[in-house]
Amino acid sequence: MQKPATAGGFLGRSPRFAPAPASVAPPRLLLTPPEAAVALRLCPRTLWTLTKDGTIPHIRIGRQIRYPVAVLEEWITKQTTAPVPAAERPAADAN
């Protein structure tokens, strides 16, 4: 025999303690090293080398390393170079 659903349909639990809908996820502020490597499409070892050298922005929380999403996006923008117009490119040698 099934228990009848109580007000709010939570089977005895107060609706204020109901889990948030699955479609509402909090924004990701920090990435773990594996997540950052996937997002940046880098080998985890390359990411670690860039982190160790201080090339890529990161923060430490205790012994853990995290990569702030907003700072990574800004860093990528700064790393992006503008394309060189064709008229300014050196001519390729035709041997």
PDB file of N, CA and C in Angstrom:
ATOM      1  N   MET A   1       0.829  -1.172   0.000  1.00  0.00           N
ATOM      2  CA  MET A   1       0.000   0.000   0.000  1.00  0.00           C
ATOM      3  C   MET A   1       0.883   1.248   0.000  1.00  0.00           C
ATOM      4  N   GLN A   2       0.590   2.197  -0.874  1.00  0.00           N
ATOM      5  CA  GLN A   2       1.381   3.410  -0.984  1.00  0.00           C
ATOM      6  C   GLN A   2       0.942   4.431   0.048  1.00  0.00           C
ATOM      7  N   LYS A   3       1.912   5.213   0.525  1.00  0.00           N
ATOM      8  CA  LYS A   3       1.600   6.308   1.426  1.00  0.00           C
ATOM      9  C   LYS A   3       1.030   7.460   0.612  1.00  0.00           C
ATOM     10  N   PRO A   4       0.020   8.118   1.133  1.00  0.00           N
ATOM     11  CA  PRO A   4      -0.511   9.266   0.397  1.00  0.00           C
ATOM     12  C   PRO A   4       0.486  10.419   0.437  1.00  0.00           C
ATOM     13  N   ALA A   5       0.552  11.145  -0.662  1.00  0.00           N
ATOM     14  CA  ALA A   5       1.433  12.315  -0.737  1.00  0.00           C
ATOM     15  C   ALA A   5       0.869  13.420   0.143  1.00  0.00           C
ATOM     16  N   THR A   6       1.741  14.085   0.852  1.00  0.00           N
ATOM     17  CA  THR A   6       1.319  15.194   1.698  1.00  0.00           C
ATOM     18  C   THR A   6       1.339  16.477   0.889  1.00  0.00           C
ATOM     19  N   ALA A   7       0.961  17.547   1.520  1.00  0.00           N
ATOM     20  CA  ALA A   7       0.932  18.844   0.839  1.00  0.00           C
ATOM     21  C   ALA A   7       2.292  19.130   0.225  1.00  0.00           C
ATOM     22  N   GLY A   8       2.310  19.483  -1.017  1.00  0.00           N
ATOM     23  CA  GLY A   8       3.558  19.762  -1.706  1.00  0.00           C
ATOM     24  C   GLY A   8       4.136  18.533  -2.384  1.00  0.00           C
ATOM     25  N   GLY A   9       3.608  17.339  -2.074  1.00  0.00           N
ATOM     26  CA  GLY A   9       4.055  16.129  -2.748  1.00  0.00           C
ATOM     27  C   GLY A   9       5.417  15.627  -2.306  1.00  0.00           C
ATOM     28  N   PHE A  10       5.859  15.947  -1.098  1.00  0.00           N
ATOM     29  CA  PHE A  10       7.200  15.561  -0.666  1.00  0.00           C
ATOM     30  C   PHE A  10       7.183  14.449   0.384  1.00  0.00           C
ATOM     31  N   LEU A  11       6.069  13.756   0.522  1.00  0.00           N
ATOM     32  CA  LEU A  11       5.953  12.621   1.439  1.00  0.00           C
ATOM     33  C   LEU A  11       6.465  12.936   2.839  1.00  0.00           C
ATOM     34  N   GLY A  12       5.877  13.930   3.449  1.00  0.00           N
ATOM     35  CA  GLY A  12       6.198  14.231   4.828  1.00  0.00           C
ATOM     36  C   GLY A  12       7.301  15.241   5.032  1.00  0.00           C
ATOM     37  N   ARG A  13       8.044  15.578   3.998  1.00  0.00           N
ATOM     38  CA  ARG A  13       9.099  16.573   4.144  1.00  0.00           C
ATOM     39  C   ARG A  13       8.549  17.947   3.826  1.00  0.00           C
ATOM     40  N   SER A  14       9.050  18.915   4.506  1.00  0.00           N
ATOM     41  CA  SER A  14       8.627  20.287   4.268  1.00  0.00           C
ATOM     42  C   SER A  14       9.113  20.744   2.898  1.00  0.00           C
ATOM     43  N   PRO A  15       8.279  21.439   2.113  1.00  0.00           N
ATOM     44  CA  PRO A  15       8.705  21.900   0.790  1.00  0.00           C
ATOM     45  C   PRO A  15       9.913  22.825   0.828  1.00  0.00           C
ATOM     46  N   ARG A  16      10.159  23.484   1.937  1.00  0.00           N
ATOM     47  CA  ARG A  16      11.307  24.392   1.979  1.00  0.00           C
ATOM     48  C   ARG A  16      12.634  23.645   1.948  1.00  0.00           C
ATOM     49  N   PHE A  17      12.619  22.350   2.226  1.00  0.00           N
ATOM     50  CA  PHE A  17      13.837  21.553   2.158  1.00  0.00           C
ATOM     51  C   PHE A  17      13.904  20.716   0.894  1.00  0.00           C
ATOM     52  N   ALA A  18      13.050  21.024  -0.040  1.00  0.00           N
ATOM     53  CA  ALA A  18      13.033  20.282  -1.292  1.00  0.00           C
ATOM     54  C   ALA A  18      14.299  20.588  -2.085  1.00  0.00           C
ATOM     55  N   PRO A  19      14.825  19.593  -2.803  1.00  0.00           N
ATOM     56  CA  PRO A  19      16.017  19.856  -3.615  1.00  0.00           C
ATOM     57  C   PRO A  19      15.687  20.816  -4.753  1.00  0.00           C
ATOM     58  N   ALA A  20      16.678  21.556  -5.165  1.00  0.00           N
ATOM     59  CA  ALA A  20      16.501  22.487  -6.270  1.00  0.00           C
ATOM     60  C   ALA A  20      16.259  21.702  -7.552  1.00  0.00           C
ATOM     61  N   PRO A  21      15.492  22.252  -8.474  1.00  0.00           N
ATOM     62  CA  PRO A  21      15.282  21.546  -9.744  1.00  0.00           C
ATOM     63  C   PRO A  21      16.617  21.278 -10.432  1.00  0.00           C
ATOM     64  N   ALA A  22      16.684  20.156 -11.118  1.00  0.00           N
ATOM     65  CA  ALA A  22      17.931  19.749 -11.768  1.00  0.00           C
ATOM     66  C   ALA A  22      18.366  20.728 -12.847  1.00  0.00           C
ATOM     67  N   SER A  23      17.430  21.451 -13.428  1.00  0.00           N
ATOM     68  CA  SER A  23      17.788  22.364 -14.510  1.00  0.00           C
ATOM     69  C   SER A  23      18.457  23.646 -14.009  1.00  0.00           C
ATOM     70  N   VAL A  24      18.394  23.916 -12.717  1.00  0.00           N
ATOM     71  CA  VAL A  24      18.994  25.124 -12.160  1.00  0.00           C
ATOM     72  C   VAL A  24      20.291  24.728 -11.468  1.00  0.00           C
ATOM     73  N   ALA A  25      21.400  24.953 -12.136  1.00  0.00           N
ATOM     74  CA  ALA A  25      22.705  24.628 -11.561  1.00  0.00           C
ATOM     75  C   ALA A  25      23.439  25.931 -11.272  1.00  0.00           C
ATOM     76  N   PRO A  26      24.142  25.989 -10.152  1.00  0.00           N
ATOM     77  CA  PRO A  26      24.909  27.203  -9.865  1.00  0.00           C
ATOM     78  C   PRO A  26      26.033  27.367 -10.874  1.00  0.00           C
ATOM     79  N   PRO A  27      26.409  28.597 -11.175  1.00  0.00           N
ATOM     80  CA  PRO A  27      27.493  28.801 -12.134  1.00  0.00           C
ATOM     81  C   PRO A  27      28.813  28.261 -11.581  1.00  0.00           C
ATOM     82  N   ARG A  28      29.623  27.708 -12.462  1.00  0.00           N
ATOM     83  CA  ARG A  28      30.921  27.182 -12.059  1.00  0.00           C
ATOM     84  C   ARG A  28      31.901  28.334 -11.954  1.00  0.00           C
ATOM     85  N   LEU A  29      32.442  28.559 -10.786  1.00  0.00           N
ATOM     86  CA  LEU A  29      33.413  29.624 -10.577  1.00  0.00           C
ATOM     87  C   LEU A  29      34.842  29.107 -10.670  1.00  0.00           C
ATOM     88  N   LEU A  30      35.037  27.880 -10.230  1.00  0.00           N
ATOM     89  CA  LEU A  30      36.377  27.291 -10.205  1.00  0.00           C
ATOM     90  C   LEU A  30      36.356  25.929 -10.884  1.00  0.00           C
ATOM     91  N   LEU A  31      37.452  25.616 -11.558  1.00  0.00           N
ATOM     92  CA  LEU A  31      37.607  24.304 -12.183  1.00  0.00           C
ATOM     93  C   LEU A  31      38.711  23.532 -11.480  1.00  0.00           C
ATOM     94  N   THR A  32      38.534  22.228 -11.381  1.00  0.00           N
ATOM     95  CA  THR A  32      39.586  21.362 -10.866  1.00  0.00           C
ATOM     96  C   THR A  32      40.618  21.187 -11.983  1.00  0.00           C
ATOM     97  N   PRO A  33      41.813  20.702 -11.675  1.00  0.00           N
ATOM     98  CA  PRO A  33      42.799  20.488 -12.737  1.00  0.00           C
ATOM     99  C   PRO A  33      42.303  19.598 -13.890  1.00  0.00           C
ATOM    100  N   PRO A  34      41.632  18.463 -13.611  1.00  0.00           N
ATOM    101  CA  PRO A  34      41.141  17.673 -14.748  1.00  0.00           C
ATOM    102  C   PRO A  34      40.091  18.425 -15.577  1.00  0.00           C
ATOM    103  N   GLU A  35      39.206  19.177 -14.909  1.00  0.00           N
ATOM    104  CA  GLU A  35      38.197  19.948 -15.635  1.00  0.00           C
ATOM    105  C   GLU A  35      38.844  21.049 -16.474  1.00  0.00           C
ATOM    106  N   ALA A  36      39.841  21.716 -15.914  1.00  0.00           N
ATOM    107  CA  ALA A  36      40.530  22.779 -16.642  1.00  0.00           C
ATOM    108  C   ALA A  36      41.279  22.215 -17.850  1.00  0.00           C
ATOM    109  N   ALA A  37      41.903  21.056 -17.682  1.00  0.00           N
ATOM    110  CA  ALA A  37      42.629  20.443 -18.800  1.00  0.00           C
ATOM    111  C   ALA A  37      41.668  20.118 -19.941  1.00  0.00           C
ATOM    112  N   VAL A  38      40.505  19.599 -19.620  1.00  0.00           N
ATOM    113  CA  VAL A  38      39.511  19.286 -20.652  1.00  0.00           C
ATOM    114  C   VAL A  38      39.004  20.570 -21.291  1.00  0.00           C
ATOM    115  N   ALA A  39      38.675  21.575 -20.475  1.00  0.00           N
ATOM    116  CA  ALA A  39      38.139  22.834 -20.993  1.00  0.00           C
ATOM    117  C   ALA A  39      39.138  23.544 -21.902  1.00  0.00           C
ATOM    118  N   LEU A  40      40.418  23.483 -21.543  1.00  0.00           N
ATOM    119  CA  LEU A  40      41.456  24.138 -22.338  1.00  0.00           C
ATOM    120  C   LEU A  40      42.013  23.240 -23.435  1.00  0.00           C
ATOM    121  N   ARG A  41      41.553  21.997 -23.447  1.00  0.00           N
ATOM    122  CA  ARG A  41      42.029  21.001 -24.414  1.00  0.00           C
ATOM    123  C   ARG A  41      43.544  20.835 -24.342  1.00  0.00           C
ATOM    124  N   LEU A  42      44.013  20.686 -23.105  1.00  0.00           N
ATOM    125  CA  LEU A  42      45.428  20.476 -22.845  1.00  0.00           C
ATOM    126  C   LEU A  42      45.631  19.123 -22.186  1.00  0.00           C
ATOM    127  N   CYS A  43      46.793  18.584 -22.382  1.00  0.00           N
ATOM    128  CA  CYS A  43      47.192  17.391 -21.645  1.00  0.00           C
ATOM    129  C   CYS A  43      47.319  17.804 -20.178  1.00  0.00           C
ATOM    130  N   PRO A  44      46.874  16.975 -19.239  1.00  0.00           N
ATOM    131  CA  PRO A  44      47.009  17.340 -17.819  1.00  0.00           C
ATOM    132  C   PRO A  44      48.448  17.671 -17.422  1.00  0.00           C
ATOM    133  N   ARG A  45      49.410  16.985 -18.006  1.00  0.00           N
ATOM    134  CA  ARG A  45      50.824  17.255 -17.699  1.00  0.00           C
ATOM    135  C   ARG A  45      51.222  18.649 -18.179  1.00  0.00           C
ATOM    136  N   THR A  46      50.750  19.062 -19.359  1.00  0.00           N
ATOM    137  CA  THR A  46      51.034  20.398 -19.874  1.00  0.00           C
ATOM    138  C   THR A  46      50.407  21.447 -18.968  1.00  0.00           C
ATOM    139  N   LEU A  47      49.178  21.197 -18.532  1.00  0.00           N
ATOM    140  CA  LEU A  47      48.514  22.133 -17.621  1.00  0.00           C
ATOM    141  C   LEU A  47      49.326  22.272 -16.331  1.00  0.00           C
ATOM    142  N   TRP A  48      49.818  21.153 -15.806  1.00  0.00           N
ATOM    143  CA  TRP A  48      50.600  21.212 -14.581  1.00  0.00           C
ATOM    144  C   TRP A  48      51.894  22.005 -14.790  1.00  0.00           C
ATOM    145  N   THR A  49      52.555  21.813 -15.927  1.00  0.00           N
ATOM    146  CA  THR A  49      53.784  22.556 -16.216  1.00  0.00           C
ATOM    147  C   THR A  49      53.503  24.056 -16.289  1.00  0.00           C
ATOM    148  N   LEU A  50      52.422  24.441 -16.971  1.00  0.00           N
ATOM    149  CA  LEU A  50      52.053  25.858 -17.058  1.00  0.00           C
ATOM    150  C   LEU A  50      51.691  26.423 -15.684  1.00  0.00           C
ATOM    151  N   THR A  51      51.073  25.604 -14.853  1.00  0.00           N
ATOM    152  CA  THR A  51      50.707  26.025 -13.499  1.00  0.00           C
ATOM    153  C   THR A  51      51.955  26.217 -12.647  1.00  0.00           C
ATOM    154  N   LYS A  52      52.845  25.233 -12.693  1.00  0.00           N
ATOM    155  CA  LYS A  52      54.069  25.269 -11.893  1.00  0.00           C
ATOM    156  C   LYS A  52      54.940  26.457 -12.277  1.00  0.00           C
ATOM    157  N   ASP A  53      54.983  26.778 -13.576  1.00  0.00           N
ATOM    158  CA  ASP A  53      55.789  27.899 -14.059  1.00  0.00           C
ATOM    159  C   ASP A  53      55.134  29.258 -13.799  1.00  0.00           C
ATOM    160  N   GLY A  54      53.865  29.243 -13.389  1.00  0.00           N
ATOM    161  CA  GLY A  54      53.156  30.501 -13.152  1.00  0.00           C
ATOM    162  C   GLY A  54      52.639  31.130 -14.437  1.00  0.00           C
ATOM    163  N   THR A  55      52.628  30.373 -15.521  1.00  0.00           N
ATOM    164  CA  THR A  55      52.175  30.886 -16.807  1.00  0.00           C
ATOM    165  C   THR A  55      50.657  31.015 -16.856  1.00  0.00           C
ATOM    166  N   ILE A  56      49.966  30.046 -16.296  1.00  0.00           N
ATOM    167  CA  ILE A  56      48.506  30.033 -16.330  1.00  0.00           C
ATOM    168  C   ILE A  56      47.975  30.435 -14.951  1.00  0.00           C
ATOM    169  N   PRO A  57      46.949  31.299 -14.901  1.00  0.00           N
ATOM    170  CA  PRO A  57      46.446  31.756 -13.603  1.00  0.00           C
ATOM    171  C   PRO A  57      45.746  30.631 -12.837  1.00  0.00           C
ATOM    172  N   HIS A  58      46.007  30.574 -11.554  1.00  0.00           N
ATOM    173  CA  HIS A  58      45.397  29.564 -10.691  1.00  0.00           C
ATOM    174  C   HIS A  58      45.390  30.088  -9.258  1.00  0.00           C
ATOM    175  N   ILE A  59      44.633  29.423  -8.412  1.00  0.00           N
ATOM    176  CA  ILE A  59      44.639  29.747  -6.991  1.00  0.00           C
ATOM    177  C   ILE A  59      44.830  28.456  -6.206  1.00  0.00           C
ATOM    178  N   ARG A  60      45.321  28.614  -5.005  1.00  0.00           N
ATOM    179  CA  ARG A  60      45.469  27.473  -4.104  1.00  0.00           C
ATOM    180  C   ARG A  60      44.489  27.647  -2.954  1.00  0.00           C
ATOM    181  N   ILE A  61      43.805  26.585  -2.646  1.00  0.00           N
ATOM    182  CA  ILE A  61      42.936  26.526  -1.473  1.00  0.00           C
ATOM    183  C   ILE A  61      43.478  25.370  -0.651  1.00  0.00           C
ATOM    184  N   GLY A  62      44.279  25.716   0.332  1.00  0.00           N
ATOM    185  CA  GLY A  62      44.993  24.680   1.069  1.00  0.00           C
ATOM    186  C   GLY A  62      45.988  24.024   0.132  1.00  0.00           C
ATOM    187  N   ARG A  63      45.878  22.721  -0.034  1.00  0.00           N
ATOM    188  CA  ARG A  63      46.764  21.997  -0.950  1.00  0.00           C
ATOM    189  C   ARG A  63      46.152  21.806  -2.330  1.00  0.00           C
ATOM    190  N   GLN A  64      44.915  22.257  -2.482  1.00  0.00           N
ATOM    191  CA  GLN A  64      44.226  22.057  -3.755  1.00  0.00           C
ATOM    192  C   GLN A  64      44.471  23.227  -4.705  1.00  0.00           C
ATOM    193  N   ILE A  65      44.550  22.924  -5.984  1.00  0.00           N
ATOM    194  CA  ILE A  65      44.705  23.953  -7.018  1.00  0.00           C
ATOM    195  C   ILE A  65      43.388  24.060  -7.763  1.00  0.00           C
ATOM    196  N   ARG A  66      42.955  25.288  -7.981  1.00  0.00           N
ATOM    197  CA  ARG A  66      41.734  25.549  -8.739  1.00  0.00           C
ATOM    198  C   ARG A  66      42.019  26.631  -9.760  1.00  0.00           C
ATOM    199  N   TYR A  67      41.237  26.618 -10.830  1.00  0.00           N
ATOM    200  CA  TYR A  67      41.390  27.568 -11.924  1.00  0.00           C
ATOM    201  C   TYR A  67      40.105  28.383 -12.044  1.00  0.00           C
ATOM    202  N   PRO A  68      40.158  29.691 -11.732  1.00  0.00           N
ATOM    203  CA  PRO A  68      38.955  30.525 -11.846  1.00  0.00           C
ATOM    204  C   PRO A  68      38.539  30.676 -13.316  1.00  0.00           C
ATOM    205  N   VAL A  69      37.290  30.366 -13.608  1.00  0.00           N
ATOM    206  CA  VAL A  69      36.786  30.391 -14.982  1.00  0.00           C
ATOM    207  C   VAL A  69      36.941  31.781 -15.596  1.00  0.00           C
ATOM    208  N   ALA A  70      36.507  32.822 -14.888  1.00  0.00           N
ATOM    209  CA  ALA A  70      36.561  34.184 -15.437  1.00  0.00           C
ATOM    210  C   ALA A  70      37.998  34.610 -15.728  1.00  0.00           C
ATOM    211  N   VAL A  71      38.921  34.257 -14.847  1.00  0.00           N
ATOM    212  CA  VAL A  71      40.322  34.633 -15.029  1.00  0.00           C
ATOM    213  C   VAL A  71      40.931  33.851 -16.196  1.00  0.00           C
ATOM    214  N   LEU A  72      40.555  32.584 -16.344  1.00  0.00           N
ATOM    215  CA  LEU A  72      41.042  31.805 -17.487  1.00  0.00           C
ATOM    216  C   LEU A  72      40.546  32.398 -18.806  1.00  0.00           C
ATOM    217  N   GLU A  73      39.282  32.811 -18.836  1.00  0.00           N
ATOM    218  CA  GLU A  73      38.742  33.424 -20.059  1.00  0.00           C
ATOM    219  C   GLU A  73      39.503  34.696 -20.407  1.00  0.00           C
ATOM    220  N   GLU A  74      39.802  35.514 -19.390  1.00  0.00           N
ATOM    221  CA  GLU A  74      40.568  36.747 -19.605  1.00  0.00           C
ATOM    222  C   GLU A  74      41.982  36.419 -20.081  1.00  0.00           C
ATOM    223  N   TRP A  75      42.595  35.417 -19.487  1.00  0.00           N
ATOM    224  CA  TRP A  75      43.951  34.996 -19.868  1.00  0.00           C
ATOM    225  C   TRP A  75      43.980  34.533 -21.319  1.00  0.00           C
ATOM    226  N   ILE A  76      42.960  33.756 -21.717  1.00  0.00           N
ATOM    227  CA  ILE A  76      42.890  33.287 -23.105  1.00  0.00           C
ATOM    228  C   ILE A  76      42.796  34.467 -24.050  1.00  0.00           C
ATOM    229  N   THR A  77      41.987  35.457 -23.712  1.00  0.00           N
ATOM    230  CA  THR A  77      41.839  36.646 -24.556  1.00  0.00           C
ATOM    231  C   THR A  77      43.168  37.369 -24.708  1.00  0.00           C
ATOM    232  N   LYS A  78      43.921  37.481 -23.625  1.00  0.00           N
ATOM    233  CA  LYS A  78      45.222  38.147 -23.679  1.00  0.00           C
ATOM    234  C   LYS A  78      46.236  37.351 -24.496  1.00  0.00           C
ATOM    235  N   GLN A  79      46.090  36.021 -24.526  1.00  0.00           N
ATOM    236  CA  GLN A  79      47.025  35.171 -25.265  1.00  0.00           C
ATOM    237  C   GLN A  79      46.726  35.160 -26.757  1.00  0.00           C
ATOM    238  N   THR A  80      45.529  35.565 -27.126  1.00  0.00           N
ATOM    239  CA  THR A  80      45.115  35.519 -28.527  1.00  0.00           C
ATOM    240  C   THR A  80      45.829  36.597 -29.317  1.00  0.00           C
ATOM    241  N   THR A  81      46.391  36.210 -30.439  1.00  0.00           N
ATOM    242  CA  THR A  81      47.085  37.171 -31.307  1.00  0.00           C
ATOM    243  C   THR A  81      46.217  37.453 -32.521  1.00  0.00           C
ATOM    244  N   ALA A  82      46.326  38.671 -33.022  1.00  0.00           N
ATOM    245  CA  ALA A  82      45.567  39.056 -34.204  1.00  0.00           C
ATOM    246  C   ALA A  82      46.227  38.454 -35.437  1.00  0.00           C
ATOM    247  N   PRO A  83      45.432  38.061 -36.415  1.00  0.00           N
ATOM    248  CA  PRO A  83      46.031  37.507 -37.632  1.00  0.00           C
ATOM    249  C   PRO A  83      46.808  38.578 -38.397  1.00  0.00           C
ATOM    250  N   VAL A  84      47.886  38.165 -39.032  1.00  0.00           N
ATOM    251  CA  VAL A  84      48.710  39.075 -39.829  1.00  0.00           C
ATOM    252  C   VAL A  84      48.087  39.175 -41.222  1.00  0.00           C
ATOM    253  N   PRO A  85      47.813  40.395 -41.714  1.00  0.00           N
ATOM    254  CA  PRO A  85      47.252  40.523 -43.069  1.00  0.00           C
ATOM    255  C   PRO A  85      48.179  39.893 -44.098  1.00  0.00           C
ATOM    256  N   ALA A  86      47.594  39.354 -45.156  1.00  0.00           N
ATOM    257  CA  ALA A  86      48.357  38.654 -46.195  1.00  0.00           C
ATOM    258  C   ALA A  86      49.438  39.538 -46.812  1.00  0.00           C
ATOM    259  N   ALA A  87      49.164  40.842 -46.948  1.00  0.00           N
ATOM    260  CA  ALA A  87      50.131  41.760 -47.561  1.00  0.00           C
ATOM    261  C   ALA A  87      51.384  41.901 -46.692  1.00  0.00           C
ATOM    262  N   GLU A  88      51.276  41.674 -45.385  1.00  0.00           N
ATOM    263  CA  GLU A  88      52.396  41.831 -44.479  1.00  0.00           C
ATOM    264  C   GLU A  88      53.151  40.537 -44.215  1.00  0.00           C
ATOM    265  N   ARG A  89      52.620  39.425 -44.683  1.00  0.00           N
ATOM    266  CA  ARG A  89      53.281  38.137 -44.463  1.00  0.00           C
ATOM    267  C   ARG A  89      54.489  38.008 -45.379  1.00  0.00           C
ATOM    268  N   PRO A  90      55.538  37.371 -44.883  1.00  0.00           N
ATOM    269  CA  PRO A  90      56.694  37.150 -45.769  1.00  0.00           C
ATOM    270  C   PRO A  90      56.314  36.195 -46.883  1.00  0.00           C
ATOM    271  N   ALA A  91      56.842  36.454 -48.064  1.00  0.00           N
ATOM    272  CA  ALA A  91      56.538  35.604 -49.231  1.00  0.00           C
ATOM    273  C   ALA A  91      57.174  34.247 -49.041  1.00  0.00           C
ATOM    274  N   ALA A  92      56.433  33.209 -49.409  1.00  0.00           N
ATOM    275  CA  ALA A  92      56.959  31.847 -49.322  1.00  0.00           C
ATOM    276  C   ALA A  92      57.911  31.613 -50.485  1.00  0.00           C
ATOM    277  N   ASP A  93      59.029  30.967 -50.200  1.00  0.00           N
ATOM    278  CA  ASP A  93      60.019  30.684 -51.250  1.00  0.00           C
ATOM    279  C   ASP A  93      59.488  29.565 -52.127  1.00  0.00           C
ATOM    280  N   ALA A  94      59.451  29.804 -53.420  1.00  0.00           N
ATOM    281  CA  ALA A  94      59.012  28.778 -54.369  1.00  0.00           C
ATOM    282  C   ALA A  94      60.245  28.179 -55.010  1.00  0.00           C
ATOM    283  N   ASN A  95      60.714  27.048 -54.511  1.00  0.00           N
ATOM    284  CA  ASN A  95      61.910  26.387 -55.049  1.00  0.00           C
ATOM    285  C   ASN A  95      61.547  25.427 -56.108  1.00  0.00           C
TER     286      ASN A  95
END
